[in-house]
């Protein structure tokens, strides 16, 4: 079992969800987050003054998958989250972590069956 954490552009959320649905990944958690990487924020004009917004709005997906769904899930996120053919700075990142256990609260099932 793996826990996949993906940070993507908010505008790409629907495309990523559609791509995940095509590979039969339909359980995920979505959070609004803020951060910055190579973009280092944005400069904007507010009331005649130039200000730098250091934190950019992003969307974080958390997806728990069994081993056979790992690669299709990663491919779907990349396909749905990439801007254009080659992508752009700010498209996001994907992190994959080993997951020791999962428990379904309702039934008490554990492990891969609980996902």
Protein backbone atom coordinates (compact mmCIF):
# COMPACT_ATOMS: atom_id res chain seq x y z
CA UNK A 1 0.00 0.00 0.00
CA UNK A 2 1.17 3.53 -0.77
CA UNK A 3 0.06 7.02 0.16
CA UNK A 4 0.36 9.39 -2.78
CA UNK A 5 0.45 13.10 -2.03
CA UNK A 6 0.17 15.38 -5.04
CA UNK A 7 0.34 19.17 -5.03
CA UNK A 8 -1.18 20.65 -8.18
CA UNK A 9 -2.53 23.88 -9.65
CA UNK A 10 -6.16 24.53 -8.60
CA UNK A 11 -7.10 24.97 -12.26
CA UNK A 12 -5.97 21.39 -12.99
CA UNK A 13 -8.09 19.72 -10.30
CA UNK A 14 -10.98 18.72 -12.58
CA UNK A 15 -8.60 17.34 -15.23
CA UNK A 16 -6.75 15.28 -12.60
CA UNK A 17 -10.00 13.98 -11.14
CA UNK A 18 -11.18 12.94 -14.62
CA UNK A 19 -7.87 11.20 -15.35
CA UNK A 20 -8.02 9.36 -12.00
CA UNK A 21 -11.58 8.30 -12.69
CA UNK A 22 -10.47 6.73 -16.01
CA UNK A 23 -8.02 4.48 -14.12
CA UNK A 24 -10.69 3.63 -11.52
CA UNK A 25 -9.19 5.65 -8.67
CA UNK A 26 -12.24 7.27 -7.09
CA UNK A 27 -11.27 7.71 -3.44
CA UNK A 28 -9.21 10.76 -2.57
CA UNK A 29 -8.93 13.63 -0.13
CA UNK A 30 -8.54 17.18 -1.42
CA UNK A 31 -7.18 20.12 0.59
CA UNK A 32 -6.57 23.76 -0.25
CA UNK A 33 -2.96 24.61 0.62
CA UNK A 34 -0.50 27.45 0.08
CA UNK A 35 3.17 27.37 -0.74
CA UNK A 36 5.85 28.22 -3.24
CA UNK A 37 8.73 26.58 -5.02
CA UNK A 38 10.67 27.85 -8.00
CA UNK A 39 7.92 30.39 -8.69
CA UNK A 40 8.87 32.25 -5.49
CA UNK A 41 5.52 34.01 -5.30
CA UNK A 42 3.97 36.60 -7.56
CA UNK A 43 4.34 40.36 -7.78
CA UNK A 44 1.06 42.26 -7.96
CA UNK A 45 -0.06 45.89 -7.88
CA UNK A 46 -2.45 46.65 -4.99
CA UNK A 47 -3.70 50.22 -4.44
CA UNK A 48 -0.85 51.60 -6.49
CA UNK A 49 1.88 49.69 -4.63
CA UNK A 50 3.80 46.69 -5.78
CA UNK A 51 3.52 43.77 -3.35
CA UNK A 52 4.86 40.23 -3.49
CA UNK A 53 2.56 37.40 -2.52
CA UNK A 54 4.99 34.81 -1.17
CA UNK A 55 2.45 32.02 -0.90
CA UNK A 56 0.57 30.70 -3.92
CA UNK A 57 -2.68 28.78 -3.72
CA UNK A 58 -2.38 25.09 -4.59
CA UNK A 59 -4.48 21.95 -4.15
CA UNK A 60 -3.16 18.90 -2.32
CA UNK A 61 -4.51 15.44 -3.09
CA UNK A 62 -4.01 12.50 -0.74
CA UNK A 63 -4.70 9.12 -2.30
CA UNK A 64 -4.20 5.74 -0.62
CA UNK A 65 -3.78 2.95 -3.18
CA UNK A 66 -2.91 -0.72 -3.34
CA UNK A 67 0.28 -1.69 -5.20
CA UNK A 68 -1.43 -2.45 -8.53
CA UNK A 69 -2.87 1.07 -8.66
CA UNK A 70 0.37 2.98 -7.93
CA UNK A 71 1.66 3.49 -11.48
CA UNK A 72 -1.76 4.18 -13.09
CA UNK A 73 -2.44 6.75 -10.35
CA UNK A 74 0.91 8.49 -10.84
CA UNK A 75 0.46 8.53 -14.64
CA UNK A 76 -3.07 9.96 -14.31
CA UNK A 77 -1.93 12.78 -12.01
CA UNK A 78 0.93 13.70 -14.35
CA UNK A 79 -1.34 13.62 -17.41
CA UNK A 80 -4.06 15.71 -15.81
CA UNK A 81 -1.80 18.12 -13.95
CA UNK A 82 0.75 18.98 -16.63
CA UNK A 83 0.41 22.27 -18.51
CA UNK A 84 0.81 21.73 -22.24
CA UNK A 85 3.06 19.10 -23.80
CA UNK A 86 6.16 19.68 -21.69
CA UNK A 87 4.71 21.30 -18.57
CA UNK A 88 5.63 24.52 -16.82
CA UNK A 89 7.21 25.60 -13.57
CA UNK A 90 4.49 25.50 -10.93
CA UNK A 91 2.65 22.44 -12.25
CA UNK A 92 3.29 20.69 -8.94
CA UNK A 93 4.93 17.70 -7.30
CA UNK A 94 3.99 14.14 -6.39
CA UNK A 95 5.27 12.37 -3.28
CA UNK A 96 4.85 8.65 -2.67
CA UNK A 97 5.12 7.19 0.81
CA UNK A 98 4.89 3.62 2.07
CA UNK A 99 1.75 3.05 4.10
CA UNK A 100 1.96 0.51 6.90
CA UNK A 101 -1.71 0.00 7.57
CA UNK A 102 -5.21 1.23 6.83
CA UNK A 103 -8.31 0.67 8.95
CA UNK A 104 -11.87 1.20 7.78
CA UNK A 105 -13.61 2.64 10.82
CA UNK A 106 -17.09 1.41 9.89
CA UNK A 107 -16.20 -2.31 9.54
CA UNK A 108 -12.82 -2.63 11.25
CA UNK A 109 -11.24 -4.05 8.06
CA UNK A 110 -7.48 -3.63 7.88
CA UNK A 111 -4.83 -3.48 5.18
CA UNK A 112 -5.48 -3.50 1.42
CA UNK A 113 -9.13 -4.52 1.89
CA UNK A 114 -9.79 -1.31 3.84
CA UNK A 115 -8.71 0.92 0.95
